[in-house]
Amino acid sequence: MLEQFKKYILSNTDISEEQYKELEHLVHSLKIKKGTILLKENQICDRAFFVCKGLLRSYTVDEMGKDHIIQFASENWWIADRSSFYFDEPSDLFIDVIEDAEIIYIQKEFLKNAEKISVNFVSFNTLALQKNIRQMQKRINYLLAATAEKKYLDFIETHREITFRLPLQMIASYLGITPESLSRVRKELARKNFKY
């Protein structure tokens, strides 16, 4: 796990092996079981999680107890409540483990030290934030305006590697449609001989 994360950092930034040694003590690894809750609503999110193996999700729970999935994170993806992490606000989200997972977590101190070591790391982190914003804007537009079929096809395109690892009710929650609607969409696509 630690080696995988190190490789990720070294290949995406200009941080050298020597510089990374100054950060190693700020990198923590965990093996966690399916069903483990890493963050609860109203807690401060003081960690960002990098997935080495497995699958995590972030979600909210409405007054009726229904989950609304915000994000999935599989291998080499990050997940956190960014508002809570950066601004020390109580989290609106839960983060839990969908599959047994091996993760790395960092705290703000890692980011601050990495930014001191490498100007490129600042650009890398800013670009990651901008990509996240772009994805969220696209997602909001889809939730508001796209058909159930279009939402599902976009999900498959964006999350092809995890589509068959997820229960249909979680995909439906992420898409903002009912499981019954998703089943209808899948049947219609199968009728059209669509391969997903």
Foldseek 3Di string as FASTA:
>chain_A
DLVVVVVVVVVLFVQDPVNVVVLSVQKDKDWAAAPDWPADFQAQWFKKKAFQAAKKWKWAADPVRDTATADMHGHGDIDTQVCSQVVVGGHRIIMGGHHGTMIMMGGVVSLVSVVVRGVRSVVSVVVVVVVVVVVNVVLVCQLPDNDPLVLVVVCCVVPVVCPVVDDLCNSCSHSVHHSVVVVVSVVVCVVVVHDD
